[in-house]
Amino acid sequence: MGSSFSAPSPEKLKAVQDSVEQTIASHPIVIFAKTTCPHCVRAKQMLSKDFPDVGMEVVYLDMHMSGGMMQRYLQDKTGQRTVPNVFISTSHSS
């Protein structure tokens, strides 16, 4: 029996990549997170405390329709497989 899984189209992959890059470019601080991740909660709390006047965007990968593809793209981009995946002024923070 064959699998019903089909790989995303190149167009969909490009759209996900563009979405991630646009999000990073549009916000001073971006956290790619998961709702069940305690490290993500702490990162958000710390950055909110340290930078209270800076706009922060949190993208919850487990709530996003393309979250799995976003996480794979972020792994390719940063070498980091886990969350939180943080960008400050478009630079990856590990």
C-alpha atoms as a PDB file:
ATOM      1  CA  MET A   1       0.000   0.000   0.000  1.00  0.00           C
ATOM      2  CA  GLY A   2       1.223   3.449  -0.855  1.00  0.00           C
ATOM      3  CA  SER A   3       1.307   6.437   1.436  1.00  0.00           C
ATOM      4  CA  SER A   4      -1.269   9.186   1.046  1.00  0.00           C
ATOM      5  CA  PHE A   5       1.381  11.759   1.945  1.00  0.00           C
ATOM      6  CA  SER A   6       2.378  14.014  -0.899  1.00  0.00           C
ATOM      7  CA  ALA A   7       5.308  16.372  -0.810  1.00  0.00           C
ATOM      8  CA  PRO A   8       4.431  20.053  -0.916  1.00  0.00           C
ATOM      9  CA  SER A   9       4.751  21.722  -4.279  1.00  0.00           C
ATOM     10  CA  PRO A  10       7.753  23.944  -4.995  1.00  0.00           C
ATOM     11  CA  GLU A  11       5.333  26.877  -5.078  1.00  0.00           C
ATOM     12  CA  LYS A  12       4.058  26.080  -1.565  1.00  0.00           C
ATOM     13  CA  LEU A  13       7.604  25.702  -0.241  1.00  0.00           C
ATOM     14  CA  LYS A  14       8.544  29.080  -1.764  1.00  0.00           C
ATOM     15  CA  ALA A  15       5.444  30.688  -0.257  1.00  0.00           C
ATOM     16  CA  VAL A  16       6.375  29.344   3.198  1.00  0.00           C
ATOM     17  CA  GLN A  17       9.970  30.546   2.812  1.00  0.00           C
ATOM     18  CA  ASP A  18       8.762  33.996   1.704  1.00  0.00           C
ATOM     19  CA  SER A  19       6.332  34.153   4.641  1.00  0.00           C
ATOM     20  CA  VAL A  20       9.063  33.335   7.174  1.00  0.00           C
ATOM     21  CA  GLU A  21      11.489  35.835   5.638  1.00  0.00           C
ATOM     22  CA  GLN A  22       8.817  38.555   5.466  1.00  0.00           C
ATOM     23  CA  THR A  23       7.911  37.986   9.114  1.00  0.00           C
ATOM     24  CA  ILE A  24      11.570  38.228  10.164  1.00  0.00           C
ATOM     25  CA  ALA A  25      12.119  41.382   8.078  1.00  0.00           C
ATOM     26  CA  SER A  26       8.943  43.079   9.337  1.00  0.00           C
ATOM     27  CA  HIS A  27       9.450  42.811  13.096  1.00  0.00           C
ATOM     28  CA  PRO A  28      12.343  43.796  15.383  1.00  0.00           C
ATOM     29  CA  ILE A  29      11.921  40.578  17.375  1.00  0.00           C
ATOM     30  CA  VAL A  30      10.405  37.333  16.112  1.00  0.00           C
ATOM     31  CA  ILE A  31       9.970  34.146  18.108  1.00  0.00           C
ATOM     32  CA  PHE A  32       8.982  30.964  16.295  1.00  0.00           C
ATOM     33  CA  ALA A  33       7.471  28.924  19.098  1.00  0.00           C
ATOM     34  CA  LYS A  34       5.060  26.176  20.078  1.00  0.00           C
ATOM     35  CA  THR A  35       2.215  26.639  22.518  1.00  0.00           C
ATOM     36  CA  THR A  36       3.330  23.706  24.689  1.00  0.00           C
ATOM     37  CA  CYS A  37       6.975  24.754  24.950  1.00  0.00           C
ATOM     38  CA  PRO A  38       8.026  26.111  28.374  1.00  0.00           C
ATOM     39  CA  HIS A  39      11.284  27.453  26.906  1.00  0.00           C
ATOM     40  CA  CYS A  40       9.229  29.480  24.420  1.00  0.00           C
ATOM     41  CA  VAL A  41       7.172  30.982  27.254  1.00  0.00           C
ATOM     42  CA  ARG A  42      10.363  31.953  29.113  1.00  0.00           C
ATOM     43  CA  ALA A  43      11.954  33.445  25.988  1.00  0.00           C
ATOM     44  CA  LYS A  44       8.854  35.544  25.333  1.00  0.00           C
ATOM     45  CA  GLN A  45       8.713  36.703  28.974  1.00  0.00           C
ATOM     46  CA  MET A  46      12.415  37.579  29.034  1.00  0.00           C
ATOM     47  CA  LEU A  47      12.350  39.479  25.742  1.00  0.00           C
ATOM     48  CA  SER A  48       9.143  41.318  26.708  1.00  0.00           C
ATOM     49  CA  LYS A  49      10.772  42.377  29.987  1.00  0.00           C
ATOM     50  CA  ASP A  50      14.107  43.372  28.425  1.00  0.00           C
ATOM     51  CA  PHE A  51      12.561  45.128  25.404  1.00  0.00           C
ATOM     52  CA  PRO A  52       9.141  46.388  26.554  1.00  0.00           C
ATOM     53  CA  ASP A  53       8.819  49.035  23.838  1.00  0.00           C
ATOM     54  CA  VAL A  54       9.908  46.844  20.928  1.00  0.00           C
ATOM     55  CA  GLY A  55       7.338  45.176  18.716  1.00  0.00           C
ATOM     56  CA  MET A  56       7.530  41.420  19.036  1.00  0.00           C
ATOM     57  CA  GLU A  57       5.900  38.836  16.798  1.00  0.00           C
ATOM     58  CA  VAL A  58       5.346  35.312  18.077  1.00  0.00           C
ATOM     59  CA  VAL A  59       4.547  32.669  15.459  1.00  0.00           C
ATOM     60  CA  TYR A  60       3.118  29.516  17.034  1.00  0.00           C
ATOM     61  CA  LEU A  61       4.171  26.782  14.644  1.00  0.00           C
ATOM     62  CA  ASP A  62       1.790  24.216  16.146  1.00  0.00           C
ATOM     63  CA  MET A  63      -1.156  26.544  15.465  1.00  0.00           C
ATOM     64  CA  HIS A  64      -0.120  27.581  11.957  1.00  0.00           C
ATOM     65  CA  MET A  65      -1.385  25.647   8.948  1.00  0.00           C
ATOM     66  CA  SER A  66       2.132  25.573   7.470  1.00  0.00           C
ATOM     67  CA  GLY A  67       3.933  25.289  10.814  1.00  0.00           C
ATOM     68  CA  GLY A  68       5.694  22.019   9.978  1.00  0.00           C
ATOM     69  CA  MET A  69       7.049  23.403   6.714  1.00  0.00           C
ATOM     70  CA  MET A  70       8.064  26.618   8.485  1.00  0.00           C
ATOM     71  CA  GLN A  71       9.980  24.635  11.097  1.00  0.00           C
ATOM     72  CA  ARG A  72      11.772  22.626   8.394  1.00  0.00           C
ATOM     73  CA  TYR A  73      12.684  25.833   6.574  1.00  0.00           C
ATOM     74  CA  LEU A  74      13.951  27.391   9.808  1.00  0.00           C
ATOM     75  CA  GLN A  75      16.091  24.302  10.426  1.00  0.00           C
ATOM     76  CA  ASP A  76      17.603  24.640   6.949  1.00  0.00           C
ATOM     77  CA  LYS A  77      18.150  28.374   7.505  1.00  0.00           C
ATOM     78  CA  THR A  78      19.597  28.250  11.032  1.00  0.00           C
ATOM     79  CA  GLY A  79      20.671  24.669  11.705  1.00  0.00           C
ATOM     80  CA  GLN A  80      18.379  24.741  14.748  1.00  0.00           C
ATOM     81  CA  ARG A  81      15.667  22.091  14.844  1.00  0.00           C
ATOM     82  CA  THR A  82      14.016  23.110  18.115  1.00  0.00           C
ATOM     83  CA  VAL A  83      11.986  26.045  19.377  1.00  0.00           C
ATOM     84  CA  PRO A  84      12.140  28.769  20.454  1.00  0.00           C
ATOM     85  CA  ASN A  85      13.788  30.009  17.296  1.00  0.00           C
ATOM     86  CA  VAL A  86      14.494  33.708  17.898  1.00  0.00           C
ATOM     87  CA  PHE A  87      15.441  36.507  15.519  1.00  0.00           C
ATOM     88  CA  ILE A  88      16.458  39.957  16.748  1.00  0.00           C
ATOM     89  CA  SER A  89      16.870  42.659  14.103  1.00  0.00           C
ATOM     90  CA  THR A  90      16.780  39.911  11.437  1.00  0.00           C
ATOM     91  CA  SER A  91      19.727  38.058  13.076  1.00  0.00           C
ATOM     92  CA  HIS A  92      19.252  34.556  14.439  1.00  0.00           C
ATOM     93  CA  SER A  93      19.904  34.277  18.153  1.00  0.00           C
ATOM     94  CA  SER A  94      20.980  30.848  19.363  1.00  0.00           C
END
